[in-house]
Amino acid sequence: MRRKISEDQAFLTLWLLPGPSNFILKSFEGWKMGEHVDNSWNLLMQQVEQIFRFLSEPIFQLSDAKISVISVLVSIFVILISIRLAQMIGRFVNNSLHRRGVDSGVRDSIEKFVRYGLIALGIMFSLDNLGISFNSLAALGAVLMVGVGFGLQNITQNFISGIILLIERPVKVGDIVQVGHSEGKIIDIRVRATLIQTRDDITIIVPNSKFVSEEVVNDSYTGEKIRQHVSVGVAYGSDVQKVIRILKEVVEAHPKVLQDPKPMVLFQDFGDSSLDFDLRFWGTDIWGKDITASDIRTEIDRRFREEGVEIPFPQRDVHFKNALITTSKSQPPLSERI
């Protein structure tokens, strides 16, 4: 009667045999390990195939398009990749234009258009991956137009105004503007709003529609210089020519004042208590124009003290004519009350 020897028993027998059996044992170990790896790999592939089949099953149907979990994940991945690529390509375009000496406002506008275009393409590809056709988008657009008419009017208006700002460029990044009660430097023009940084380092978010529909004061529109005024009054009896000479010397010595066009000093008016002068000049620092004016006023005060020119206090002469003091019967005279 023959006994059936198991693989484990055969393995133990070969392990105990000396000499040539070691070669047979090593070959048997390799064969057994390879068979185990093949079985594990096949099991893993079966599990992956089951997971993929589960994720590919439609979870809902939109018109003729069957939406599954894997199609949604692929679409999200495509959108994220398109956003990342849009940022990288946008920076590349901006740097290339900067090396060619293109204006910063033009560079920013082109960079934003490139970004928005690539992101829009990514969204279109992701929708196509979901099986959503442009006919379905047209129907969805009709529904959105109704929503725009009721609740999204301001958002749409700001979006279109942002596109107008990027194309027409009445303002650009770096300009110093005043919109309503907000004044500062533009640091970014976005799809819905524009960011303005004030001189107090406060960021104000201004809707783009305000730049299109309201009055905007742009100090930087014509260039990097600005006309400034400093008014000063001196006492009656002062030497007018001496005052004009001092004012010109002070303003021409300031490093942030342009010499062409030349500064001007105008004898503006005979005031109530002073002779009024207006000092006009072109400054090169638009952002720090208040500091420039303060420096000039400080130097004017110092020079007036040195030259003996008086800056008067406001004063009025009051004359009483035929003043009568009357007292009532119920009150004592004024001298007794004092």
C-alpha atoms as a PDB file:
ATOM      1  CA  MET A   1       0.000   0.000   0.000  1.00  0.00           C
ATOM      2  CA  ARG A   2       1.495   3.269  -1.112  1.00  0.00           C
ATOM      3  CA  ARG A   3       1.322   6.373   1.008  1.00  0.00           C
ATOM      4  CA  LYS A   4       0.841   9.764  -0.599  1.00  0.00           C
ATOM      5  CA  ILE A   5       3.668  12.078   0.425  1.00  0.00           C
ATOM      6  CA  SER A   6       2.735  15.715   0.912  1.00  0.00           C
ATOM      7  CA  GLU A   7       4.865  18.647  -0.310  1.00  0.00           C
ATOM      8  CA  ASP A   8       5.840  19.513   3.267  1.00  0.00           C
ATOM      9  CA  GLN A   9       7.061  15.983   3.956  1.00  0.00           C
ATOM     10  CA  ALA A  10       9.090  15.937   0.768  1.00  0.00           C
ATOM     11  CA  PHE A  11      10.550  19.312   1.645  1.00  0.00           C
ATOM     12  CA  LEU A  12      11.571  18.031   5.119  1.00  0.00           C
ATOM     13  CA  THR A  13      13.165  14.890   3.656  1.00  0.00           C
ATOM     14  CA  LEU A  14      15.246  16.857   1.187  1.00  0.00           C
ATOM     15  CA  TRP A  15      16.274  19.229   3.949  1.00  0.00           C
ATOM     16  CA  LEU A  16      17.686  16.373   6.025  1.00  0.00           C
ATOM     17  CA  LEU A  17      19.531  14.673   3.135  1.00  0.00           C
ATOM     18  CA  PRO A  18      23.158  15.788   2.756  1.00  0.00           C
ATOM     19  CA  GLY A  19      25.126  16.513  -0.373  1.00  0.00           C
ATOM     20  CA  PRO A  20      23.360  16.769  -3.769  1.00  0.00           C
ATOM     21  CA  SER A  21      19.949  17.128  -2.158  1.00  0.00           C
ATOM     22  CA  ASN A  22      20.771  20.763  -1.298  1.00  0.00           C
ATOM     23  CA  PHE A  23      20.600  21.691  -4.964  1.00  0.00           C
ATOM     24  CA  ILE A  24      17.220  20.015  -5.337  1.00  0.00           C
ATOM     25  CA  LEU A  25      16.035  21.755  -2.175  1.00  0.00           C
ATOM     26  CA  LYS A  26      17.008  25.240  -3.400  1.00  0.00           C
ATOM     27  CA  SER A  27      15.320  24.645  -6.738  1.00  0.00           C
ATOM     28  CA  PHE A  28      12.173  23.510  -4.973  1.00  0.00           C
ATOM     29  CA  GLU A  29      12.175  26.618  -2.731  1.00  0.00           C
ATOM     30  CA  GLY A  30      12.490  28.932  -5.724  1.00  0.00           C
ATOM     31  CA  TRP A  31       9.659  27.194  -7.547  1.00  0.00           C
ATOM     32  CA  LYS A  32       7.408  27.330  -4.534  1.00  0.00           C
ATOM     33  CA  MET A  33       8.151  31.042  -3.884  1.00  0.00           C
ATOM     34  CA  GLY A  34       7.539  31.933  -7.553  1.00  0.00           C
ATOM     35  CA  GLU A  35       4.232  30.127  -7.465  1.00  0.00           C
ATOM     36  CA  HIS A  36       3.263  32.055  -4.311  1.00  0.00           C
ATOM     37  CA  VAL A  37       4.175  35.424  -5.919  1.00  0.00           C
ATOM     38  CA  ASP A  38       2.165  34.601  -9.027  1.00  0.00           C
ATOM     39  CA  ASN A  39      -0.864  33.725  -6.923  1.00  0.00           C
ATOM     40  CA  SER A  40      -0.564  36.977  -4.918  1.00  0.00           C
ATOM     41  CA  TRP A  41      -0.207  39.064  -8.073  1.00  0.00           C
ATOM     42  CA  ASN A  42      -3.235  37.433  -9.669  1.00  0.00           C
ATOM     43  CA  LEU A  43      -5.258  38.018  -6.507  1.00  0.00           C
ATOM     44  CA  LEU A  44      -4.191  41.674  -6.408  1.00  0.00           C
ATOM     45  CA  MET A  45      -5.119  42.210 -10.055  1.00  0.00           C
ATOM     46  CA  GLN A  46      -8.520  40.646  -9.452  1.00  0.00           C
ATOM     47  CA  GLN A  47      -9.147  43.024  -6.557  1.00  0.00           C
ATOM     48  CA  VAL A  48      -8.044  46.045  -8.595  1.00  0.00           C
ATOM     49  CA  GLU A  49     -10.298  44.934 -11.440  1.00  0.00           C
ATOM     50  CA  GLN A  50     -13.251  44.599  -9.069  1.00  0.00           C
ATOM     51  CA  ILE A  51     -12.605  48.077  -7.611  1.00  0.00           C
ATOM     52  CA  PHE A  52     -12.313  49.600 -11.090  1.00  0.00           C
ATOM     53  CA  ARG A  53     -15.509  47.876 -12.177  1.00  0.00           C
ATOM     54  CA  PHE A  54     -17.284  49.184  -9.080  1.00  0.00           C
ATOM     55  CA  LEU A  55     -16.075  52.761  -9.643  1.00  0.00           C
ATOM     56  CA  SER A  56     -17.059  52.587 -13.317  1.00  0.00           C
ATOM     57  CA  GLU A  57     -20.661  51.769 -12.548  1.00  0.00           C
ATOM     58  CA  PRO A  58     -22.987  54.739 -13.218  1.00  0.00           C
ATOM     59  CA  ILE A  59     -24.252  56.439 -10.087  1.00  0.00           C
ATOM     60  CA  PHE A  60     -26.722  58.666 -11.946  1.00  0.00           C
ATOM     61  CA  GLN A  61     -27.605  59.627 -15.498  1.00  0.00           C
ATOM     62  CA  LEU A  62     -27.748  63.148 -16.936  1.00  0.00           C
ATOM     63  CA  SER A  63     -29.575  63.117 -20.248  1.00  0.00           C
ATOM     64  CA  ASP A  64     -27.666  60.485 -22.287  1.00  0.00           C
ATOM     65  CA  ALA A  65     -24.497  60.733 -20.166  1.00  0.00           C
ATOM     66  CA  LYS A  66     -23.861  58.135 -17.470  1.00  0.00           C
ATOM     67  CA  ILE A  67     -21.889  59.629 -14.592  1.00  0.00           C
ATOM     68  CA  SER A  68     -19.664  57.335 -12.537  1.00  0.00           C
ATOM     69  CA  VAL A  69     -17.324  57.899  -9.633  1.00  0.00           C
ATOM     70  CA  ILE A  70     -14.204  57.382 -11.730  1.00  0.00           C
ATOM     71  CA  SER A  71     -15.385  59.856 -14.385  1.00  0.00           C
ATOM     72  CA  VAL A  72     -15.958  62.466 -11.665  1.00  0.00           C
ATOM     73  CA  LEU A  73     -12.487  61.835 -10.193  1.00  0.00           C
ATOM     74  CA  VAL A  74     -10.837  62.085 -13.614  1.00  0.00           C
ATOM     75  CA  SER A  75     -12.687  65.345 -14.332  1.00  0.00           C
ATOM     76  CA  ILE A  76     -11.583  66.845 -11.007  1.00  0.00           C
ATOM     77  CA  PHE A  77      -8.010  65.753 -11.730  1.00  0.00           C
ATOM     78  CA  VAL A  78      -8.134  67.398 -15.181  1.00  0.00           C
ATOM     79  CA  ILE A  79      -9.396  70.680 -13.666  1.00  0.00           C
ATOM     80  CA  LEU A  80      -6.661  70.688 -10.997  1.00  0.00           C
ATOM     81  CA  ILE A  81      -3.976  69.976 -13.589  1.00  0.00           C
ATOM     82  CA  SER A  82      -5.305  72.729 -15.865  1.00  0.00           C
ATOM     83  CA  ILE A  83      -5.239  75.246 -12.985  1.00  0.00           C
ATOM     84  CA  ARG A  84      -1.662  74.315 -12.154  1.00  0.00           C
ATOM     85  CA  LEU A  85      -0.555  74.478 -15.784  1.00  0.00           C
ATOM     86  CA  ALA A  86      -2.349  77.823 -16.196  1.00  0.00           C
ATOM     87  CA  GLN A  87      -0.376  79.282 -13.289  1.00  0.00           C
ATOM     88  CA  MET A  88       2.949  77.999 -14.614  1.00  0.00           C
ATOM     89  CA  ILE A  89       2.348  79.103 -18.210  1.00  0.00           C
ATOM     90  CA  GLY A  90       0.988  82.468 -17.018  1.00  0.00           C
ATOM     91  CA  ARG A  91       4.169  83.145 -15.034  1.00  0.00           C
ATOM     92  CA  PHE A  92       6.279  82.058 -18.008  1.00  0.00           C
ATOM     93  CA  VAL A  93       4.431  84.462 -20.322  1.00  0.00           C
ATOM     94  CA  ASN A  94       4.757  87.306 -17.794  1.00  0.00           C
ATOM     95  CA  ASN A  95       8.508  86.754 -17.402  1.00  0.00           C
ATOM     96  CA  SER A  96       8.994  86.534 -21.173  1.00  0.00           C
ATOM     97  CA  LEU A  97       7.166  89.822 -21.725  1.00  0.00           C
ATOM     98  CA  HIS A  98       9.106  91.421 -18.862  1.00  0.00           C
ATOM     99  CA  ARG A  99      12.416  90.531 -20.557  1.00  0.00           C
ATOM    100  CA  ARG A 100      11.135  92.222 -23.720  1.00  0.00           C
ATOM    101  CA  GLY A 101      10.371  95.439 -21.810  1.00  0.00           C
ATOM    102  CA  VAL A 102       6.573  95.233 -22.061  1.00  0.00           C
ATOM    103  CA  ASP A 103       4.572  97.482 -19.694  1.00  0.00           C
ATOM    104  CA  SER A 104       3.522  95.847 -16.420  1.00  0.00           C
ATOM    105  CA  GLY A 105      -0.183  96.503 -17.032  1.00  0.00           C
ATOM    106  CA  VAL A 106      -0.053  94.804 -20.439  1.00  0.00           C
ATOM    107  CA  ARG A 107       1.861  91.856 -18.956  1.00  0.00           C
ATOM    108  CA  ASP A 108      -0.678  91.339 -16.199  1.00  0.00           C
ATOM    109  CA  SER A 109      -3.603  91.542 -18.639  1.00  0.00           C
ATOM    110  CA  ILE A 110      -2.081  88.983 -21.032  1.00  0.00           C
ATOM    111  CA  GLU A 111      -1.141  86.686 -18.139  1.00  0.00           C
ATOM    112  CA  LYS A 112      -4.704  86.700 -16.782  1.00  0.00           C
ATOM    113  CA  PHE A 113      -6.207  86.022 -20.222  1.00  0.00           C
ATOM    114  CA  VAL A 114      -3.844  83.054 -20.694  1.00  0.00           C
ATOM    115  CA  ARG A 115      -4.764  81.684 -17.275  1.00  0.00           C
ATOM    116  CA  TYR A 116      -8.493  82.065 -17.765  1.00  0.00           C
ATOM    117  CA  GLY A 117      -8.278  80.506 -21.253  1.00  0.00           C
ATOM    118  CA  LEU A 118      -6.373  77.422 -20.059  1.00  0.00           C
ATOM    119  CA  ILE A 119      -8.680  76.943 -17.094  1.00  0.00           C
ATOM    120  CA  ALA A 120     -11.690  77.226 -19.407  1.00  0.00           C
ATOM    121  CA  LEU A 121     -10.187  74.558 -21.704  1.00  0.00           C
ATOM    122  CA  GLY A 122      -9.619  72.293 -18.716  1.00  0.00           C
ATOM    123  CA  ILE A 123     -13.227  72.697 -17.625  1.00  0.00           C
ATOM    124  CA  MET A 124     -14.425  71.917 -21.159  1.00  0.00           C
ATOM    125  CA  PHE A 125     -12.320  68.727 -21.300  1.00  0.00           C
ATOM    126  CA  SER A 126     -13.551  67.635 -17.882  1.00  0.00           C
ATOM    127  CA  LEU A 127     -17.175  68.156 -18.910  1.00  0.00           C
ATOM    128  CA  ASP A 128     -16.541  66.226 -22.115  1.00  0.00           C
ATOM    129  CA  ASN A 129     -15.090  63.403 -20.024  1.00  0.00           C
ATOM    130  CA  LEU A 130     -18.331  63.341 -18.038  1.00  0.00           C
ATOM    131  CA  GLY A 131     -20.238  63.029 -21.291  1.00  0.00           C
ATOM    132  CA  ILE A 132     -21.891  66.435 -21.043  1.00  0.00           C
ATOM    133  CA  SER A 133     -22.349  67.892 -24.526  1.00  0.00           C
ATOM    134  CA  PHE A 134     -22.443  71.538 -25.501  1.00  0.00           C
ATOM    135  CA  ASN A 135     -26.179  71.221 -26.146  1.00  0.00           C
ATOM    136  CA  SER A 136     -26.637  70.383 -22.488  1.00  0.00           C
ATOM    137  CA  LEU A 137     -24.461  73.362 -21.579  1.00  0.00           C
ATOM    138  CA  ALA A 138     -26.642  75.604 -23.731  1.00  0.00           C
ATOM    139  CA  ALA A 139     -29.710  74.448 -21.838  1.00  0.00           C
ATOM    140  CA  LEU A 140     -27.862  74.978 -18.552  1.00  0.00           C
ATOM    141  CA  GLY A 141     -26.827  78.438 -19.752  1.00  0.00           C
ATOM    142  CA  ALA A 142     -30.452  79.374 -20.360  1.00  0.00           C
ATOM    143  CA  VAL A 143     -31.250  78.390 -16.779  1.00  0.00           C
ATOM    144  CA  LEU A 144     -28.283  80.409 -15.512  1.00  0.00           C
ATOM    145  CA  MET A 145     -29.425  83.459 -17.450  1.00  0.00           C
ATOM    146  CA  VAL A 146     -32.672  83.390 -15.519  1.00  0.00           C
ATOM    147  CA  GLY A 147     -30.669  83.205 -12.300  1.00  0.00           C
ATOM    148  CA  VAL A 148     -28.480  86.081 -13.436  1.00  0.00           C
ATOM    149  CA  GLY A 149     -31.554  88.197 -14.055  1.00  0.00           C
ATOM    150  CA  PHE A 150     -32.764  87.637 -10.499  1.00  0.00           C
ATOM    151  CA  GLY A 151     -29.890  87.123  -8.110  1.00  0.00           C
ATOM    152  CA  LEU A 152     -26.523  87.112  -9.907  1.00  0.00           C
ATOM    153  CA  GLN A 153     -26.732  90.457 -11.645  1.00  0.00           C
ATOM    154  CA  ASN A 154     -24.060  92.133  -9.507  1.00  0.00           C
ATOM    155  CA  ILE A 155     -21.647  89.210  -9.871  1.00  0.00           C
ATOM    156  CA  THR A 156     -22.060  89.177 -13.649  1.00  0.00           C
ATOM    157  CA  GLN A 157     -21.675  92.943 -13.819  1.00  0.00           C
ATOM    158  CA  ASN A 158     -18.436  92.808 -11.819  1.00  0.00           C
ATOM    159  CA  PHE A 159     -17.135  89.935 -13.977  1.00  0.00           C
ATOM    160  CA  ILE A 160     -17.782  91.800 -17.236  1.00  0.00           C
ATOM    161  CA  SER A 161     -16.330  94.988 -15.725  1.00  0.00           C
ATOM    162  CA  GLY A 162     -13.173  93.043 -14.836  1.00  0.00           C
ATOM    163  CA  ILE A 163     -12.798  91.929 -18.455  1.00  0.00           C
ATOM    164  CA  ILE A 164     -13.289  95.553 -19.605  1.00  0.00           C
ATOM    165  CA  LEU A 165     -10.575  96.704 -17.194  1.00  0.00           C
ATOM    166  CA  LEU A 166      -8.138  94.101 -18.516  1.00  0.00           C
ATOM    167  CA  ILE A 167      -8.829  94.983 -22.169  1.00  0.00           C
ATOM    168  CA  GLU A 168      -9.303  98.762 -22.038  1.00  0.00           C
ATOM    169  CA  ARG A 169      -6.817  99.275 -19.167  1.00  0.00           C
ATOM    170  CA  PRO A 170      -8.045 102.599 -17.731  1.00  0.00           C
ATOM    171  CA  VAL A 171      -6.325 101.429 -14.553  1.00  0.00           C
ATOM    172  CA  LYS A 172      -3.570  98.876 -14.070  1.00  0.00           C
ATOM    173  CA  VAL A 173      -1.616  97.258 -11.283  1.00  0.00           C
ATOM    174  CA  GLY A 174       0.582  99.866  -9.579  1.00  0.00           C
ATOM    175  CA  ASP A 175      -1.649 102.863 -10.367  1.00  0.00           C
ATOM    176  CA  ILE A 176      -2.605 105.212  -7.537  1.00  0.00           C
ATOM    177  CA  VAL A 177      -6.333 105.828  -7.790  1.00  0.00           C
ATOM    178  CA  GLN A 178      -9.279 107.247  -5.893  1.00  0.00           C
ATOM    179  CA  VAL A 179     -12.682 105.574  -6.227  1.00  0.00           C
ATOM    180  CA  GLY A 180     -15.374 107.123  -4.074  1.00  0.00           C
ATOM    181  CA  HIS A 181     -13.896 107.408  -0.584  1.00  0.00           C
ATOM    182  CA  SER A 182     -11.206 104.780  -1.282  1.00  0.00           C
ATOM    183  CA  GLU A 183      -7.706 105.926  -2.257  1.00  0.00           C
ATOM    184  CA  GLY A 184      -4.552 103.900  -2.656  1.00  0.00           C
ATOM    185  CA  LYS A 185      -2.410 101.762  -4.941  1.00  0.00           C
ATOM    186  CA  ILE A 186      -3.876  98.938  -7.063  1.00  0.00           C
ATOM    187  CA  ILE A 187      -2.132  95.683  -6.146  1.00  0.00           C
ATOM    188  CA  ASP A 188      -4.297  93.219  -8.100  1.00  0.00           C
ATOM    189  CA  ILE A 189      -7.174  93.179 -10.591  1.00  0.00           C
ATOM    190  CA  ARG A 190      -9.221  90.004 -10.172  1.00  0.00           C
ATOM    191  CA  VAL A 191     -12.283  88.579 -11.871  1.00  0.00           C
ATOM    192  CA  ARG A 192     -14.808  90.073  -9.461  1.00  0.00           C
ATOM    193  CA  ALA A 193     -12.997  92.820  -7.569  1.00  0.00           C
ATOM    194  CA  THR A 194      -9.860  94.960  -7.471  1.00  0.00           C
ATOM    195  CA  LEU A 195      -7.559  95.154  -4.444  1.00  0.00           C
ATOM    196  CA  ILE A 196      -6.410  98.626  -3.357  1.00  0.00           C
ATOM    197  CA  GLN A 197      -3.724  99.152  -0.705  1.00  0.00           C
ATOM    198  CA  THR A 198      -3.903 102.432   1.204  1.00  0.00           C
ATOM    199  CA  ARG A 199      -0.977 104.374   2.645  1.00  0.00           C
ATOM    200  CA  ASP A 200      -1.903 102.921   6.044  1.00  0.00           C
ATOM    201  CA  ASP A 201      -1.246  99.408   4.628  1.00  0.00           C
ATOM    202  CA  ILE A 202      -4.961  98.583   4.622  1.00  0.00           C
ATOM    203  CA  THR A 203      -6.322  96.514   1.730  1.00  0.00           C
ATOM    204  CA  ILE A 204      -9.692  97.587   0.318  1.00  0.00           C
ATOM    205  CA  ILE A 205     -11.700  95.257  -1.933  1.00  0.00           C
ATOM    206  CA  VAL A 206     -13.503  97.383  -4.540  1.00  0.00           C
ATOM    207  CA  PRO A 207     -16.018  95.777  -6.974  1.00  0.00           C
ATOM    208  CA  ASN A 208     -14.904  96.110 -10.596  1.00  0.00           C
ATOM    209  CA  SER A 209     -18.198  97.704 -11.602  1.00  0.00           C
ATOM    210  CA  LYS A 210     -17.270 100.851  -9.644  1.00  0.00           C
ATOM    211  CA  PHE A 211     -14.297 101.445 -11.945  1.00  0.00           C
ATOM    212  CA  VAL A 212     -16.624 101.380 -14.954  1.00  0.00           C
ATOM    213  CA  SER A 213     -19.745 103.157 -13.691  1.00  0.00           C
ATOM    214  CA  GLU A 214     -18.305 105.748 -11.254  1.00  0.00           C
ATOM    215  CA  GLU A 215     -15.784 108.569 -11.450  1.00  0.00           C
ATOM    216  CA  VAL A 216     -12.212 107.371 -10.969  1.00  0.00           C
ATOM    217  CA  VAL A 217      -9.227 109.628 -10.257  1.00  0.00           C
ATOM    218  CA  ASN A 218      -6.026 108.018 -11.544  1.00  0.00           C
ATOM    219  CA  ASP A 219      -2.911 109.929 -10.459  1.00  0.00           C
ATOM    220  CA  SER A 220      -0.633 107.586 -12.426  1.00  0.00           C
ATOM    221  CA  TYR A 221      -2.518 107.587 -15.734  1.00  0.00           C
ATOM    222  CA  THR A 222      -0.260 110.097 -17.513  1.00  0.00           C
ATOM    223  CA  GLY A 223       3.040 109.020 -15.987  1.00  0.00           C
ATOM    224  CA  GLU A 224       5.113 108.879 -12.832  1.00  0.00           C
ATOM    225  CA  LYS A 225       4.937 112.584 -11.951  1.00  0.00           C
ATOM    226  CA  ILE A 226       2.285 114.688 -10.242  1.00  0.00           C
ATOM    227  CA  ARG A 227       1.591 118.405  -9.812  1.00  0.00           C
ATOM    228  CA  GLN A 228       1.627 119.516  -6.173  1.00  0.00           C
ATOM    229  CA  HIS A 229       0.707 122.721  -4.343  1.00  0.00           C
ATOM    230  CA  VAL A 230       1.975 124.162  -1.065  1.00  0.00           C
ATOM    231  CA  SER A 231       0.208 127.282   0.224  1.00  0.00           C
ATOM    232  CA  VAL A 232       1.814 129.674   2.686  1.00  0.00           C
ATOM    233  CA  GLY A 233       0.945 133.096   4.084  1.00  0.00           C
ATOM    234  CA  VAL A 234       3.272 135.843   5.382  1.00  0.00           C
ATOM    235  CA  ALA A 235       2.572 138.966   7.426  1.00  0.00           C
ATOM    236  CA  TYR A 236       1.602 142.228   5.783  1.00  0.00           C
ATOM    237  CA  GLY A 237       4.680 144.383   5.245  1.00  0.00           C
ATOM    238  CA  SER A 238       6.934 141.453   4.309  1.00  0.00           C
ATOM    239  CA  ASP A 239       9.256 141.736   1.290  1.00  0.00           C
ATOM    240  CA  VAL A 240       7.385 139.917  -1.477  1.00  0.00           C
ATOM    241  CA  GLN A 241      10.456 139.358  -3.665  1.00  0.00           C
ATOM    242  CA  LYS A 242      12.358 137.959  -0.715  1.00  0.00           C
ATOM    243  CA  VAL A 243       9.530 135.513   0.039  1.00  0.00           C
ATOM    244  CA  ILE A 244       9.419 134.356  -3.582  1.00  0.00           C
ATOM    245  CA  ARG A 245      13.192 133.832  -3.603  1.00  0.00           C
ATOM    246  CA  ILE A 246      13.115 131.736  -0.425  1.00  0.00           C
ATOM    247  CA  LEU A 247      10.260 129.557  -1.686  1.00  0.00           C
ATOM    248  CA  LYS A 248      12.034 128.877  -4.984  1.00  0.00           C
ATOM    249  CA  GLU A 249      15.301 127.984  -3.256  1.00  0.00           C
ATOM    250  CA  VAL A 250      13.539 125.580  -0.913  1.00  0.00           C
ATOM    251  CA  VAL A 251      11.569 123.733  -3.588  1.00  0.00           C
ATOM    252  CA  GLU A 252      14.454 123.529  -6.088  1.00  0.00           C
ATOM    253  CA  ALA A 253      16.711 121.954  -3.444  1.00  0.00           C
ATOM    254  CA  HIS A 254      14.373 119.022  -2.794  1.00  0.00           C
ATOM    255  CA  PRO A 255      15.579 115.804  -4.513  1.00  0.00           C
ATOM    256  CA  LYS A 256      12.063 114.631  -5.467  1.00  0.00           C
ATOM    257  CA  VAL A 257      11.076 117.831  -7.287  1.00  0.00           C
ATOM    258  CA  LEU A 258      11.516 118.065 -11.063  1.00  0.00           C
ATOM    259  CA  GLN A 259      13.426 121.032 -12.422  1.00  0.00           C
ATOM    260  CA  ASP A 260      11.686 120.760 -15.798  1.00  0.00           C
ATOM    261  CA  PRO A 261       8.967 122.016 -15.758  1.00  0.00           C
ATOM    262  CA  LYS A 262      10.369 124.600 -13.380  1.00  0.00           C
ATOM    263  CA  PRO A 263       8.660 125.241 -10.021  1.00  0.00           C
ATOM    264  CA  MET A 264       6.474 128.350  -9.800  1.00  0.00           C
ATOM    265  CA  VAL A 265       5.611 130.738  -6.965  1.00  0.00           C
ATOM    266  CA  LEU A 266       2.426 132.758  -7.362  1.00  0.00           C
ATOM    267  CA  PHE A 267       1.352 135.706  -5.222  1.00  0.00           C
ATOM    268  CA  GLN A 268      -2.144 134.383  -4.923  1.00  0.00           C
ATOM    269  CA  ASP A 269      -4.164 136.856  -2.860  1.00  0.00           C
ATOM    270  CA  PHE A 270      -4.373 139.493  -0.144  1.00  0.00           C
ATOM    271  CA  GLY A 271      -5.810 137.477   2.693  1.00  0.00           C
ATOM    272  CA  ASP A 272      -7.601 138.639   5.819  1.00  0.00           C
ATOM    273  CA  SER A 273      -4.425 138.554   7.894  1.00  0.00           C
ATOM    274  CA  SER A 274      -1.650 137.542   5.474  1.00  0.00           C
ATOM    275  CA  LEU A 275      -0.188 137.770   1.993  1.00  0.00           C
ATOM    276  CA  ASP A 276      -1.010 134.413   0.412  1.00  0.00           C
ATOM    277  CA  PHE A 277       1.456 132.570  -1.847  1.00  0.00           C
ATOM    278  CA  ASP A 278       0.981 129.328  -3.793  1.00  0.00           C
ATOM    279  CA  LEU A 279       4.055 127.160  -4.468  1.00  0.00           C
ATOM    280  CA  ARG A 280       3.525 124.822  -7.466  1.00  0.00           C
ATOM    281  CA  PHE A 281       5.921 122.083  -8.546  1.00  0.00           C
ATOM    282  CA  TRP A 282       6.081 118.640 -10.171  1.00  0.00           C
ATOM    283  CA  GLY A 283       7.003 115.753  -7.883  1.00  0.00           C
ATOM    284  CA  THR A 284       8.412 112.354  -8.885  1.00  0.00           C
ATOM    285  CA  ASP A 285       7.052 110.352  -5.954  1.00  0.00           C
ATOM    286  CA  ILE A 286       3.290 109.974  -6.380  1.00  0.00           C
ATOM    287  CA  TRP A 287       2.936 107.458  -3.569  1.00  0.00           C
ATOM    288  CA  GLY A 288       4.923 109.651  -1.139  1.00  0.00           C
ATOM    289  CA  LYS A 289       3.585 113.041  -2.261  1.00  0.00           C
ATOM    290  CA  ASP A 290       2.413 113.879   1.274  1.00  0.00           C
ATOM    291  CA  ILE A 291       5.937 113.294   2.609  1.00  0.00           C
ATOM    292  CA  THR A 292       7.396 115.545  -0.087  1.00  0.00           C
ATOM    293  CA  ALA A 293       4.972 118.358   0.771  1.00  0.00           C
ATOM    294  CA  SER A 294       5.723 117.932   4.491  1.00  0.00           C
ATOM    295  CA  ASP A 295       9.480 118.180   3.879  1.00  0.00           C
ATOM    296  CA  ILE A 296       9.019 121.382   1.886  1.00  0.00           C
ATOM    297  CA  ARG A 297       6.784 122.981   4.537  1.00  0.00           C
ATOM    298  CA  THR A 298       9.337 122.122   7.237  1.00  0.00           C
ATOM    299  CA  GLU A 299      12.166 123.699   5.260  1.00  0.00           C
ATOM    300  CA  ILE A 300      10.052 126.792   4.496  1.00  0.00           C
ATOM    301  CA  ASP A 301       9.416 127.330   8.214  1.00  0.00           C
ATOM    302  CA  ARG A 302      13.136 126.996   8.993  1.00  0.00           C
ATOM    303  CA  ARG A 303      14.176 129.424   6.255  1.00  0.00           C
ATOM    304  CA  PHE A 304      11.518 131.962   7.247  1.00  0.00           C
ATOM    305  CA  ARG A 305      12.857 131.931  10.804  1.00  0.00           C
ATOM    306  CA  GLU A 306      16.418 132.461   9.558  1.00  0.00           C
ATOM    307  CA  GLU A 307      15.433 135.272   7.146  1.00  0.00           C
ATOM    308  CA  GLY A 308      13.103 137.007   9.605  1.00  0.00           C
ATOM    309  CA  VAL A 309       9.915 136.424   7.602  1.00  0.00           C
ATOM    310  CA  GLU A 310       6.861 136.223   9.849  1.00  0.00           C
ATOM    311  CA  ILE A 311       4.001 133.796   9.380  1.00  0.00           C
ATOM    312  CA  PRO A 312       1.088 135.614  11.058  1.00  0.00           C
ATOM    313  CA  PHE A 313      -1.658 134.277  13.265  1.00  0.00           C
ATOM    314  CA  PRO A 314      -5.220 134.874  12.104  1.00  0.00           C
ATOM    315  CA  GLN A 315      -6.391 138.136  13.667  1.00  0.00           C
ATOM    316  CA  ARG A 316      -9.362 140.491  13.506  1.00  0.00           C
ATOM    317  CA  ASP A 317      -9.817 144.064  14.695  1.00  0.00           C
ATOM    318  CA  VAL A 318     -13.163 144.597  16.430  1.00  0.00           C
ATOM    319  CA  HIS A 319     -14.448 148.200  16.812  1.00  0.00           C
ATOM    320  CA  PHE A 320     -17.369 149.092  19.138  1.00  0.00           C
ATOM    321  CA  LYS A 321     -19.333 152.162  18.057  1.00  0.00           C
ATOM    322  CA  ASN A 322     -21.867 153.890  20.389  1.00  0.00           C
ATOM    323  CA  ALA A 323     -21.965 150.854  22.658  1.00  0.00           C
ATOM    324  CA  LEU A 324     -24.661 151.205  25.322  1.00  0.00           C
ATOM    325  CA  ILE A 325     -24.996 149.031  28.373  1.00  0.00           C
ATOM    326  CA  THR A 326     -28.522 148.797  29.750  1.00  0.00           C
ATOM    327  CA  THR A 327     -29.601 147.235  33.007  1.00  0.00           C
ATOM    328  CA  SER A 328     -32.982 146.033  34.127  1.00  0.00           C
ATOM    329  CA  LYS A 329     -34.727 147.136  37.291  1.00  0.00           C
ATOM    330  CA  SER A 330     -34.567 143.694  38.843  1.00  0.00           C
ATOM    331  CA  GLN A 331     -30.771 143.401  38.489  1.00  0.00           C
ATOM    332  CA  PRO A 332     -28.065 145.544  40.106  1.00  0.00           C
ATOM    333  CA  PRO A 333     -25.792 147.654  37.909  1.00  0.00           C
ATOM    334  CA  LEU A 334     -23.031 145.888  36.002  1.00  0.00           C
ATOM    335  CA  SER A 335     -20.293 147.457  38.165  1.00  0.00           C
ATOM    336  CA  GLU A 336     -21.846 146.062  41.333  1.00  0.00           C
ATOM    337  CA  ARG A 337     -22.265 142.570  39.834  1.00  0.00           C
ATOM    338  CA  ILE A 338     -18.594 142.462  38.870  1.00  0.00           C
END
